[in-house]
C-alpha atoms as a PDB file:
ATOM      1  CA  UNK A   1      14.389  25.273   9.627  1.00  0.00           C
ATOM      2  CA  UNK A   2      14.198  21.478   9.608  1.00  0.00           C
ATOM      3  CA  UNK A   3      17.328  19.547   8.653  1.00  0.00           C
ATOM      4  CA  UNK A   4      16.386  16.074   7.451  1.00  0.00           C
ATOM      5  CA  UNK A   5      18.525  12.956   7.090  1.00  0.00           C
ATOM      6  CA  UNK A   6      17.389  10.118   4.796  1.00  0.00           C
ATOM      7  CA  UNK A   7      19.210   6.842   5.531  1.00  0.00           C
ATOM      8  CA  UNK A   8      18.912   4.395   2.643  1.00  0.00           C
ATOM      9  CA  UNK A   9      18.450   7.003  -0.083  1.00  0.00           C
ATOM     10  CA  UNK A  10      19.567   4.611  -2.840  1.00  0.00           C
ATOM     11  CA  UNK A  11      16.677   2.233  -2.177  1.00  0.00           C
ATOM     12  CA  UNK A  12      13.214   1.965  -3.680  1.00  0.00           C
ATOM     13  CA  UNK A  13      11.512   4.194  -1.104  1.00  0.00           C
ATOM     14  CA  UNK A  14      14.469   6.358  -0.151  1.00  0.00           C
ATOM     15  CA  UNK A  15      15.334   7.533  -3.657  1.00  0.00           C
ATOM     16  CA  UNK A  16      11.847   8.903  -4.306  1.00  0.00           C
ATOM     17  CA  UNK A  17      11.205  10.114  -0.764  1.00  0.00           C
ATOM     18  CA  UNK A  18      14.433  12.157  -0.826  1.00  0.00           C
ATOM     19  CA  UNK A  19      13.312  14.026  -3.950  1.00  0.00           C
ATOM     20  CA  UNK A  20       9.837  14.688  -2.507  1.00  0.00           C
ATOM     21  CA  UNK A  21      11.271  15.960   0.786  1.00  0.00           C
ATOM     22  CA  UNK A  22      13.666  18.278  -1.045  1.00  0.00           C
ATOM     23  CA  UNK A  23      10.730  19.833  -2.887  1.00  0.00           C
ATOM     24  CA  UNK A  24       8.990  20.467   0.422  1.00  0.00           C
ATOM     25  CA  UNK A  25      11.894  21.519   2.638  1.00  0.00           C
ATOM     26  CA  UNK A  26      14.532  22.783   0.203  1.00  0.00           C
ATOM     27  CA  UNK A  27      17.323  20.860  -1.526  1.00  0.00           C
ATOM     28  CA  UNK A  28      20.014  22.021   0.886  1.00  0.00           C
ATOM     29  CA  UNK A  29      18.034  20.860   3.948  1.00  0.00           C
ATOM     30  CA  UNK A  30      17.594  17.169   3.042  1.00  0.00           C
ATOM     31  CA  UNK A  31      20.739  15.061   3.429  1.00  0.00           C
ATOM     32  CA  UNK A  32      20.758  11.768   1.527  1.00  0.00           C
ATOM     33  CA  UNK A  33      22.985   8.879   2.661  1.00  0.00           C
ATOM     34  CA  UNK A  34      23.505   5.205   1.828  1.00  0.00           C
ATOM     35  CA  UNK A  35      26.248   2.572   1.839  1.00  0.00           C
ATOM     36  CA  UNK A  36      26.221   2.651  -1.973  1.00  0.00           C
ATOM     37  CA  UNK A  37      25.907   5.287  -4.668  1.00  0.00           C
ATOM     38  CA  UNK A  38      22.377   6.646  -5.021  1.00  0.00           C
ATOM     39  CA  UNK A  39      20.597   7.510  -8.306  1.00  0.00           C
ATOM     40  CA  UNK A  40      21.878  10.558 -10.165  1.00  0.00           C
ATOM     41  CA  UNK A  41      18.938  12.816  -9.277  1.00  0.00           C
ATOM     42  CA  UNK A  42      19.467  12.071  -5.560  1.00  0.00           C
ATOM     43  CA  UNK A  43      23.237  12.671  -5.677  1.00  0.00           C
ATOM     44  CA  UNK A  44      23.044  15.836  -7.782  1.00  0.00           C
ATOM     45  CA  UNK A  45      19.822  17.233  -6.303  1.00  0.00           C
ATOM     46  CA  UNK A  46      21.230  18.027  -2.860  1.00  0.00           C
ATOM     47  CA  UNK A  47      23.783  16.894  -0.277  1.00  0.00           C
ATOM     48  CA  UNK A  48      24.667  13.191  -0.544  1.00  0.00           C
ATOM     49  CA  UNK A  49      27.248  11.160   1.386  1.00  0.00           C
ATOM     50  CA  UNK A  50      28.192   7.505   1.727  1.00  0.00           C
ATOM     51  CA  UNK A  51      27.309   6.607   5.325  1.00  0.00           C
ATOM     52  CA  UNK A  52      26.835   3.280   7.105  1.00  0.00           C
ATOM     53  CA  UNK A  53      24.054   3.410   9.711  1.00  0.00           C
ATOM     54  CA  UNK A  54      25.732   0.462  11.446  1.00  0.00           C
ATOM     55  CA  UNK A  55      28.690   2.715  12.305  1.00  0.00           C
ATOM     56  CA  UNK A  56      27.221   4.458  15.323  1.00  0.00           C
ATOM     57  CA  UNK A  57      30.051   6.958  15.820  1.00  0.00           C
ATOM     58  CA  UNK A  58      30.034   8.158  12.211  1.00  0.00           C
ATOM     59  CA  UNK A  59      26.246   8.433  12.326  1.00  0.00           C
ATOM     60  CA  UNK A  60      26.277  10.581  15.460  1.00  0.00           C
ATOM     61  CA  UNK A  61      29.039  12.824  14.085  1.00  0.00           C
ATOM     62  CA  UNK A  62      27.127  13.315  10.823  1.00  0.00           C
ATOM     63  CA  UNK A  63      23.880  14.199  12.603  1.00  0.00           C
ATOM     64  CA  UNK A  64      25.518  16.662  14.992  1.00  0.00           C
ATOM     65  CA  UNK A  65      27.737  18.258  12.327  1.00  0.00           C
ATOM     66  CA  UNK A  66      24.772  18.885  10.018  1.00  0.00           C
ATOM     67  CA  UNK A  67      22.345  19.884  12.801  1.00  0.00           C
ATOM     68  CA  UNK A  68      19.853  17.196  11.775  1.00  0.00           C
ATOM     69  CA  UNK A  69      16.378  17.500  13.351  1.00  0.00           C
ATOM     70  CA  UNK A  70      14.520  14.612  11.639  1.00  0.00           C
ATOM     71  CA  UNK A  71      15.648  11.176  10.467  1.00  0.00           C
ATOM     72  CA  UNK A  72      13.964   8.868   7.956  1.00  0.00           C
ATOM     73  CA  UNK A  73      15.619   5.475   8.487  1.00  0.00           C
ATOM     74  CA  UNK A  74      14.849   3.277   5.453  1.00  0.00           C
ATOM     75  CA  UNK A  75      17.842   0.917   5.252  1.00  0.00           C
ATOM     76  CA  UNK A  76      16.984  -2.801   5.617  1.00  0.00           C
ATOM     77  CA  UNK A  77      17.513  -6.270   4.190  1.00  0.00           C
ATOM     78  CA  UNK A  78      14.194  -7.175   2.508  1.00  0.00           C
ATOM     79  CA  UNK A  79      12.143 -10.352   2.838  1.00  0.00           C
ATOM     80  CA  UNK A  80      13.480 -12.541   0.007  1.00  0.00           C
ATOM     81  CA  UNK A  81      17.140 -11.688   0.611  1.00  0.00           C
ATOM     82  CA  UNK A  82      16.746 -11.934   4.393  1.00  0.00           C
ATOM     83  CA  UNK A  83      15.714 -15.594   4.122  1.00  0.00           C
ATOM     84  CA  UNK A  84      19.027 -16.348   2.399  1.00  0.00           C
ATOM     85  CA  UNK A  85      21.107 -14.671   5.144  1.00  0.00           C
ATOM     86  CA  UNK A  86      18.887 -14.762   8.244  1.00  0.00           C
ATOM     87  CA  UNK A  87      21.386 -13.888  10.981  1.00  0.00           C
ATOM     88  CA  UNK A  88      23.030 -11.156   8.941  1.00  0.00           C
ATOM     89  CA  UNK A  89      19.625  -9.695   8.048  1.00  0.00           C
ATOM     90  CA  UNK A  90      18.510  -9.755  11.685  1.00  0.00           C
ATOM     91  CA  UNK A  91      21.700  -8.021  12.777  1.00  0.00           C
ATOM     92  CA  UNK A  92      21.448  -5.280  10.152  1.00  0.00           C
ATOM     93  CA  UNK A  93      17.722  -4.657  10.532  1.00  0.00           C
ATOM     94  CA  UNK A  94      17.767  -4.577  14.336  1.00  0.00           C
ATOM     95  CA  UNK A  95      21.069  -2.866  15.118  1.00  0.00           C
ATOM     96  CA  UNK A  96      20.397  -0.123  12.602  1.00  0.00           C
ATOM     97  CA  UNK A  97      17.009   0.855  14.037  1.00  0.00           C
ATOM     98  CA  UNK A  98      18.377   0.737  17.602  1.00  0.00           C
ATOM     99  CA  UNK A  99      21.296   2.962  16.544  1.00  0.00           C
ATOM    100  CA  UNK A 100      18.834   5.530  15.191  1.00  0.00           C
ATOM    101  CA  UNK A 101      16.450   5.341  18.158  1.00  0.00           C
ATOM    102  CA  UNK A 102      19.263   5.696  20.668  1.00  0.00           C
ATOM    103  CA  UNK A 103      20.712   8.585  18.683  1.00  0.00           C
ATOM    104  CA  UNK A 104      17.304  10.271  18.762  1.00  0.00           C
ATOM    105  CA  UNK A 105      17.099   9.833  22.520  1.00  0.00           C
ATOM    106  CA  UNK A 106      20.632  11.099  23.172  1.00  0.00           C
ATOM    107  CA  UNK A 107      20.548  14.275  21.089  1.00  0.00           C
ATOM    108  CA  UNK A 108      16.798  14.991  21.125  1.00  0.00           C
ATOM    109  CA  UNK A 109      15.739  14.544  17.506  1.00  0.00           C
ATOM    110  CA  UNK A 110      12.339  16.104  16.792  1.00  0.00           C
ATOM    111  CA  UNK A 111      11.014  13.171  14.757  1.00  0.00           C
ATOM    112  CA  UNK A 112      12.047   9.772  13.424  1.00  0.00           C
ATOM    113  CA  UNK A 113      10.375   7.791  10.652  1.00  0.00           C
ATOM    114  CA  UNK A 114      10.975   4.049  10.402  1.00  0.00           C
ATOM    115  CA  UNK A 115       9.107   1.780   7.970  1.00  0.00           C
ATOM    116  CA  UNK A 116       7.460  -1.429   9.053  1.00  0.00           C
ATOM    117  CA  UNK A 117       5.735  -3.854   6.674  1.00  0.00           C
ATOM    118  CA  UNK A 118       2.843  -6.257   6.198  1.00  0.00           C
ATOM    119  CA  UNK A 119       5.551  -8.872   6.871  1.00  0.00           C
ATOM    120  CA  UNK A 120       4.846  -8.395  10.611  1.00  0.00           C
ATOM    121  CA  UNK A 121       1.719 -10.488  10.092  1.00  0.00           C
ATOM    122  CA  UNK A 122       1.818 -14.281   9.951  1.00  0.00           C
ATOM    123  CA  UNK A 123      -0.218 -17.365   9.011  1.00  0.00           C
ATOM    124  CA  UNK A 124      -2.433 -17.014  12.119  1.00  0.00           C
ATOM    125  CA  UNK A 125      -3.339 -13.399  11.262  1.00  0.00           C
ATOM    126  CA  UNK A 126      -6.797 -12.791   9.724  1.00  0.00           C
ATOM    127  CA  UNK A 127      -5.908 -12.569   6.014  1.00  0.00           C
ATOM    128  CA  UNK A 128      -8.870 -10.506   4.791  1.00  0.00           C
ATOM    129  CA  UNK A 129      -9.192  -6.907   5.984  1.00  0.00           C
ATOM    130  CA  UNK A 130      -6.400  -7.442   8.529  1.00  0.00           C
ATOM    131  CA  UNK A 131      -7.076  -5.197  11.566  1.00  0.00           C
ATOM    132  CA  UNK A 132      -4.675  -2.644  13.011  1.00  0.00           C
ATOM    133  CA  UNK A 133      -4.423  -4.612  16.263  1.00  0.00           C
ATOM    134  CA  UNK A 134      -4.367  -8.373  15.725  1.00  0.00           C
ATOM    135  CA  UNK A 135      -2.390 -11.598  16.077  1.00  0.00           C
ATOM    136  CA  UNK A 136       0.955 -11.299  14.266  1.00  0.00           C
ATOM    137  CA  UNK A 137       3.337 -14.277  14.638  1.00  0.00           C
ATOM    138  CA  UNK A 138       5.525 -13.505  11.573  1.00  0.00           C
ATOM    139  CA  UNK A 139       7.254 -16.500   9.999  1.00  0.00           C
ATOM    140  CA  UNK A 140      10.117 -14.735   8.186  1.00  0.00           C
ATOM    141  CA  UNK A 141      13.309 -13.116   9.464  1.00  0.00           C
ATOM    142  CA  UNK A 142      12.255  -9.845   7.848  1.00  0.00           C
ATOM    143  CA  UNK A 143       8.850  -9.966   9.532  1.00  0.00           C
ATOM    144  CA  UNK A 144      10.318 -10.880  12.909  1.00  0.00           C
ATOM    145  CA  UNK A 145      12.754  -7.951  12.708  1.00  0.00           C
ATOM    146  CA  UNK A 146       9.967  -5.571  11.706  1.00  0.00           C
ATOM    147  CA  UNK A 147       7.722  -6.721  14.547  1.00  0.00           C
ATOM    148  CA  UNK A 148      10.580  -6.278  17.017  1.00  0.00           C
ATOM    149  CA  UNK A 149      11.303  -2.859  15.517  1.00  0.00           C
ATOM    150  CA  UNK A 150       7.689  -1.800  16.075  1.00  0.00           C
ATOM    151  CA  UNK A 151       7.963  -2.752  19.734  1.00  0.00           C
ATOM    152  CA  UNK A 152      11.198  -0.759  20.116  1.00  0.00           C
ATOM    153  CA  UNK A 153       9.648   2.308  18.420  1.00  0.00           C
ATOM    154  CA  UNK A 154       6.697   2.217  20.802  1.00  0.00           C
ATOM    155  CA  UNK A 155       9.024   1.626  23.765  1.00  0.00           C
ATOM    156  CA  UNK A 156      11.176   4.661  22.939  1.00  0.00           C
ATOM    157  CA  UNK A 157       8.036   6.794  22.598  1.00  0.00           C
ATOM    158  CA  UNK A 158       6.574   5.617  25.913  1.00  0.00           C
ATOM    159  CA  UNK A 159       9.861   5.549  27.856  1.00  0.00           C
ATOM    160  CA  UNK A 160      11.658   8.614  26.491  1.00  0.00           C
ATOM    161  CA  UNK A 161       8.972  10.624  24.688  1.00  0.00           C
ATOM    162  CA  UNK A 162      10.777  10.172  21.361  1.00  0.00           C
ATOM    163  CA  UNK A 163       8.458  11.106  18.485  1.00  0.00           C
ATOM    164  CA  UNK A 164       8.783   7.974  16.337  1.00  0.00           C
ATOM    165  CA  UNK A 165       6.308   7.377  13.512  1.00  0.00           C
ATOM    166  CA  UNK A 166       5.863   4.332  11.316  1.00  0.00           C
ATOM    167  CA  UNK A 167       3.829   2.780   8.501  1.00  0.00           C
ATOM    168  CA  UNK A 168       3.327  -0.891   7.711  1.00  0.00           C
ATOM    169  CA  UNK A 169       3.928  -0.645   3.977  1.00  0.00           C
ATOM    170  CA  UNK A 170       2.220  -3.082   1.634  1.00  0.00           C
ATOM    171  CA  UNK A 171       4.124  -4.145  -1.497  1.00  0.00           C
ATOM    172  CA  UNK A 172       5.463  -1.027  -3.220  1.00  0.00           C
ATOM    173  CA  UNK A 173       5.452  -0.515  -6.974  1.00  0.00           C
ATOM    174  CA  UNK A 174       7.723   1.965  -8.753  1.00  0.00           C
ATOM    175  CA  UNK A 175       9.151   2.490 -12.232  1.00  0.00           C
ATOM    176  CA  UNK A 176      12.120   4.494 -10.958  1.00  0.00           C
ATOM    177  CA  UNK A 177      14.069   1.736  -9.203  1.00  0.00           C
ATOM    178  CA  UNK A 178      14.464  -1.953  -9.974  1.00  0.00           C
ATOM    179  CA  UNK A 179      13.128  -4.631  -7.635  1.00  0.00           C
ATOM    180  CA  UNK A 180      15.263  -5.235  -4.541  1.00  0.00           C
ATOM    181  CA  UNK A 181      14.690  -8.749  -3.227  1.00  0.00           C
ATOM    182  CA  UNK A 182      11.168  -8.540  -1.806  1.00  0.00           C
ATOM    183  CA  UNK A 183       8.272 -11.007  -2.028  1.00  0.00           C
ATOM    184  CA  UNK A 184       6.004  -8.432  -3.687  1.00  0.00           C
ATOM    185  CA  UNK A 185       8.605  -7.509  -6.333  1.00  0.00           C
ATOM    186  CA  UNK A 186       6.799  -9.462  -9.054  1.00  0.00           C
ATOM    187  CA  UNK A 187       4.462  -6.473  -9.313  1.00  0.00           C
ATOM    188  CA  UNK A 188       7.429  -4.347 -10.411  1.00  0.00           C
ATOM    189  CA  UNK A 189       9.192  -6.968 -12.552  1.00  0.00           C
ATOM    190  CA  UNK A 190       6.053  -7.732 -14.547  1.00  0.00           C
ATOM    191  CA  UNK A 191       5.965  -4.242 -16.096  1.00  0.00           C
ATOM    192  CA  UNK A 192       9.611  -4.276 -17.145  1.00  0.00           C
ATOM    193  CA  UNK A 193       9.337  -7.765 -18.659  1.00  0.00           C
ATOM    194  CA  UNK A 194       6.048  -6.909 -20.341  1.00  0.00           C
ATOM    195  CA  UNK A 195       7.591  -3.925 -22.119  1.00  0.00           C
ATOM    196  CA  UNK A 196      10.893  -5.676 -22.945  1.00  0.00           C
ATOM    197  CA  UNK A 197       9.747  -9.204 -23.803  1.00  0.00           C
ATOM    198  CA  UNK A 198       5.925  -9.246 -23.731  1.00  0.00           C
ATOM    199  CA  UNK A 199       6.119 -12.152 -21.298  1.00  0.00           C
ATOM    200  CA  UNK A 200       6.819 -12.743 -17.620  1.00  0.00           C
ATOM    201  CA  UNK A 201       7.475 -15.786 -15.432  1.00  0.00           C
ATOM    202  CA  UNK A 202       5.963 -15.092 -12.026  1.00  0.00           C
ATOM    203  CA  UNK A 203       7.460 -16.505  -8.821  1.00  0.00           C
ATOM    204  CA  UNK A 204       4.037 -16.493  -7.098  1.00  0.00           C
ATOM    205  CA  UNK A 205       0.842 -18.409  -7.943  1.00  0.00           C
ATOM    206  CA  UNK A 206      -1.777 -16.666 -10.053  1.00  0.00           C
ATOM    207  CA  UNK A 207      -4.223 -16.304  -7.131  1.00  0.00           C
ATOM    208  CA  UNK A 208      -1.694 -15.003  -4.544  1.00  0.00           C
ATOM    209  CA  UNK A 209      -3.495 -11.804  -3.515  1.00  0.00           C
ATOM    210  CA  UNK A 210      -1.435  -9.241  -1.598  1.00  0.00           C
ATOM    211  CA  UNK A 211      -1.877  -5.573  -0.611  1.00  0.00           C
ATOM    212  CA  UNK A 212       0.096  -3.263  -2.914  1.00  0.00           C
ATOM    213  CA  UNK A 213       0.629   0.466  -3.339  1.00  0.00           C
ATOM    214  CA  UNK A 214       1.906   2.723  -6.093  1.00  0.00           C
ATOM    215  CA  UNK A 215       4.945   4.625  -4.893  1.00  0.00           C
ATOM    216  CA  UNK A 216       3.464   8.157  -5.201  1.00  0.00           C
ATOM    217  CA  UNK A 217       0.740   7.165  -2.718  1.00  0.00           C
ATOM    218  CA  UNK A 218       3.349   5.652  -0.372  1.00  0.00           C
ATOM    219  CA  UNK A 219       5.478   8.814  -0.469  1.00  0.00           C
ATOM    220  CA  UNK A 220       2.468  11.077   0.074  1.00  0.00           C
ATOM    221  CA  UNK A 221       1.289   8.931   2.997  1.00  0.00           C
ATOM    222  CA  UNK A 222       4.733   8.977   4.612  1.00  0.00           C
ATOM    223  CA  UNK A 223       5.088  12.747   4.466  1.00  0.00           C
ATOM    224  CA  UNK A 224       1.473  13.240   5.566  1.00  0.00           C
ATOM    225  CA  UNK A 225       2.037  11.078   8.656  1.00  0.00           C
ATOM    226  CA  UNK A 226       5.259  12.918   9.513  1.00  0.00           C
ATOM    227  CA  UNK A 227       3.541  16.301   9.202  1.00  0.00           C
ATOM    228  CA  UNK A 228       0.475  15.251  11.236  1.00  0.00           C
ATOM    229  CA  UNK A 229      -0.229  16.729  14.672  1.00  0.00           C
ATOM    230  CA  UNK A 230       1.435  14.446  17.229  1.00  0.00           C
ATOM    231  CA  UNK A 231      -1.566  14.743  19.549  1.00  0.00           C
ATOM    232  CA  UNK A 232      -3.818  13.096  16.946  1.00  0.00           C
ATOM    233  CA  UNK A 233      -1.677   9.976  16.579  1.00  0.00           C
ATOM    234  CA  UNK A 234      -2.979   6.981  18.514  1.00  0.00           C
ATOM    235  CA  UNK A 235      -0.542   4.375  17.137  1.00  0.00           C
ATOM    236  CA  UNK A 236       3.145   4.456  18.088  1.00  0.00           C
ATOM    237  CA  UNK A 237       4.041   0.993  16.846  1.00  0.00           C
ATOM    238  CA  UNK A 238       3.116   1.257  13.140  1.00  0.00           C
ATOM    239  CA  UNK A 239       0.028   2.209  11.130  1.00  0.00           C
ATOM    240  CA  UNK A 240      -1.695  -0.202   8.753  1.00  0.00           C
ATOM    241  CA  UNK A 241      -1.710   1.062   5.156  1.00  0.00           C
ATOM    242  CA  UNK A 242      -4.071  -0.667   2.727  1.00  0.00           C
ATOM    243  CA  UNK A 243      -3.462   0.496  -0.831  1.00  0.00           C
ATOM    244  CA  UNK A 244      -4.738  -1.839  -3.578  1.00  0.00           C
ATOM    245  CA  UNK A 245      -5.165  -5.610  -3.196  1.00  0.00           C
ATOM    246  CA  UNK A 246      -4.726  -7.811  -6.293  1.00  0.00           C
ATOM    247  CA  UNK A 247      -3.116 -11.068  -7.447  1.00  0.00           C
ATOM    248  CA  UNK A 248      -0.747 -11.827 -10.356  1.00  0.00           C
ATOM    249  CA  UNK A 249      -3.593 -12.903 -12.659  1.00  0.00           C
ATOM    250  CA  UNK A 250      -5.432  -9.612 -12.087  1.00  0.00           C
ATOM    251  CA  UNK A 251      -2.392  -7.407 -12.766  1.00  0.00           C
ATOM    252  CA  UNK A 252      -1.579  -9.510 -15.855  1.00  0.00           C
ATOM    253  CA  UNK A 253      -5.119  -8.920 -17.137  1.00  0.00           C
ATOM    254  CA  UNK A 254      -4.642  -5.164 -16.767  1.00  0.00           C
ATOM    255  CA  UNK A 255      -1.305  -5.335 -18.611  1.00  0.00           C
ATOM    256  CA  UNK A 256      -2.959  -7.256 -21.468  1.00  0.00           C
ATOM    257  CA  UNK A 257      -5.390  -4.366 -21.991  1.00  0.00           C
ATOM    258  CA  UNK A 258      -2.365  -2.299 -23.077  1.00  0.00           C
ATOM    259  CA  UNK A 259      -0.176  -5.100 -24.503  1.00  0.00           C
ATOM    260  CA  UNK A 260      -2.654  -7.649 -25.955  1.00  0.00           C
ATOM    261  CA  UNK A 261      -0.036 -10.306 -26.754  1.00  0.00           C
ATOM    262  CA  UNK A 262       1.499 -10.245 -23.270  1.00  0.00           C
ATOM    263  CA  UNK A 263       1.848 -13.721 -21.748  1.00  0.00           C
ATOM    264  CA  UNK A 264       2.365 -14.723 -18.103  1.00  0.00           C
ATOM    265  CA  UNK A 265       3.482 -18.098 -16.750  1.00  0.00           C
ATOM    266  CA  UNK A 266       3.816 -19.226 -13.150  1.00  0.00           C
ATOM    267  CA  UNK A 267       6.750 -20.916 -11.423  1.00  0.00           C
ATOM    268  CA  UNK A 268       6.296 -20.399  -7.670  1.00  0.00           C
ATOM    269  CA  UNK A 269       9.479 -20.403  -5.565  1.00  0.00           C
ATOM    270  CA  UNK A 270      10.164 -20.003  -1.820  1.00  0.00           C
ATOM    271  CA  UNK A 271       8.479 -16.607  -1.858  1.00  0.00           C
ATOM    272  CA  UNK A 272       5.067 -18.218  -2.420  1.00  0.00           C
ATOM    273  CA  UNK A 273       5.134 -19.586   1.118  1.00  0.00           C
ATOM    274  CA  UNK A 274       6.029 -16.126   2.412  1.00  0.00           C
ATOM    275  CA  UNK A 275       3.131 -14.594   0.463  1.00  0.00           C
ATOM    276  CA  UNK A 276       0.715 -17.139   1.927  1.00  0.00           C
ATOM    277  CA  UNK A 277       1.658 -15.999   5.440  1.00  0.00           C
ATOM    278  CA  UNK A 278       0.813 -12.356   4.669  1.00  0.00           C
ATOM    279  CA  UNK A 279      -2.572 -10.579   4.459  1.00  0.00           C
ATOM    280  CA  UNK A 280      -4.623 -10.454   1.257  1.00  0.00           C
ATOM    281  CA  UNK A 281      -6.128  -7.081   2.216  1.00  0.00           C
ATOM    282  CA  UNK A 282      -5.612  -4.521   4.993  1.00  0.00           C
ATOM    283  CA  UNK A 283      -7.924  -2.481   7.220  1.00  0.00           C
ATOM    284  CA  UNK A 284      -6.385   0.992   7.414  1.00  0.00           C
ATOM    285  CA  UNK A 285      -9.335   2.757   9.064  1.00  0.00           C
ATOM    286  CA  UNK A 286      -7.183   3.932  12.007  1.00  0.00           C
ATOM    287  CA  UNK A 287      -4.765   5.741   9.660  1.00  0.00           C
ATOM    288  CA  UNK A 288      -7.726   7.279   7.818  1.00  0.00           C
ATOM    289  CA  UNK A 289      -9.173   8.525  11.105  1.00  0.00           C
ATOM    290  CA  UNK A 290      -5.948   9.741  12.745  1.00  0.00           C
ATOM    291  CA  UNK A 291      -4.244  11.532   9.836  1.00  0.00           C
ATOM    292  CA  UNK A 292      -6.688  11.406   6.908  1.00  0.00           C
ATOM    293  CA  UNK A 293      -4.810   8.741   4.948  1.00  0.00           C
ATOM    294  CA  UNK A 294      -6.084   8.383   1.350  1.00  0.00           C
ATOM    295  CA  UNK A 295      -4.849   7.128  -2.030  1.00  0.00           C
ATOM    296  CA  UNK A 296      -4.991   8.431  -5.586  1.00  0.00           C
ATOM    297  CA  UNK A 297      -4.209   5.276  -7.595  1.00  0.00           C
ATOM    298  CA  UNK A 298      -6.212   2.110  -8.272  1.00  0.00           C
ATOM    299  CA  UNK A 299      -4.956  -0.864 -10.341  1.00  0.00           C
ATOM    300  CA  UNK A 300      -5.996   0.408 -13.824  1.00  0.00           C
ATOM    301  CA  UNK A 301      -4.614   3.924 -13.232  1.00  0.00           C
ATOM    302  CA  UNK A 302      -1.353   2.584 -11.806  1.00  0.00           C
ATOM    303  CA  UNK A 303      -0.913   0.070 -14.654  1.00  0.00           C
ATOM    304  CA  UNK A 304      -1.298   2.768 -17.301  1.00  0.00           C
ATOM    305  CA  UNK A 305       1.304   5.029 -15.681  1.00  0.00           C
ATOM    306  CA  UNK A 306       3.726   2.156 -15.012  1.00  0.00           C
ATOM    307  CA  UNK A 307       3.699   0.924 -18.615  1.00  0.00           C
ATOM    308  CA  UNK A 308       4.123   4.450 -19.994  1.00  0.00           C
ATOM    309  CA  UNK A 309       7.022   5.285 -17.655  1.00  0.00           C
ATOM    310  CA  UNK A 310       8.783   1.917 -17.985  1.00  0.00           C
ATOM    311  CA  UNK A 311       8.609   2.266 -21.785  1.00  0.00           C
ATOM    312  CA  UNK A 312      10.220   5.721 -21.581  1.00  0.00           C
ATOM    313  CA  UNK A 313      12.910   4.426 -19.247  1.00  0.00           C
ATOM    314  CA  UNK A 314      13.787   1.400 -21.390  1.00  0.00           C
ATOM    315  CA  UNK A 315      13.748   3.410 -24.614  1.00  0.00           C
ATOM    316  CA  UNK A 316      16.441   5.700 -23.216  1.00  0.00           C
END
């Protein structure tokens, strides 16, 4: 029986991934941890404990005591917040992944999942249909830490045979958790503001196209990669994931189909420069070939579900 640890279970990905994993592996077999209190369904749906991944001794004791076999390490300082505290963000993002990788090597974990991001790409990267293997040169602290993390994941696989798997997530959109300081967070905020106020002030320009993904597709892709046959995986740094590419004007147009009097205005801030250094669309053909990656949601289908679910949430 697998015993799974989710680090960062209070976050946007971790909160929903924990619930999905518990459905697949049993509530008692998926241990959720974070440095802060997680959502109610995570805390009450199975074992939960406050745990700091930066505390290496406590982490090792927890893993050994609970006979953990797999770790999903999702804790990180995201792009927008990382630019405000660059050295602190670098320290947290890098030391935490090295703690987990070294733990995996020492005790022989079966598998580790660690998320990378489109932030690994930079202004010299081909912006349209960005290839799996290409020039990176990230220009943000978050992107630099993710690129370094990819290299460490591949190193631990090649050097120690540690089964580390990773996805370069595009911007993630969810109605279950509020935005958390990322450059793509406008695509979450817009739905909440549309339902509450019928207007939204966007921190990116109207034509700032970025790859995005609805959270159910991200969760399905993550679990599918982790359950794939190791012999079929050709990438041990991190897989490109494409999702849906759109800009703020396009998502606003979809919202207006449901809320005709919705209005959007634009006031770009420092995140616009970050967005301009990232891809507009992603080539994920390697993930499709290696582990049959596919998505259920396009922009219209996602918009409909987001507005319905955000309305329910706010009406509570």
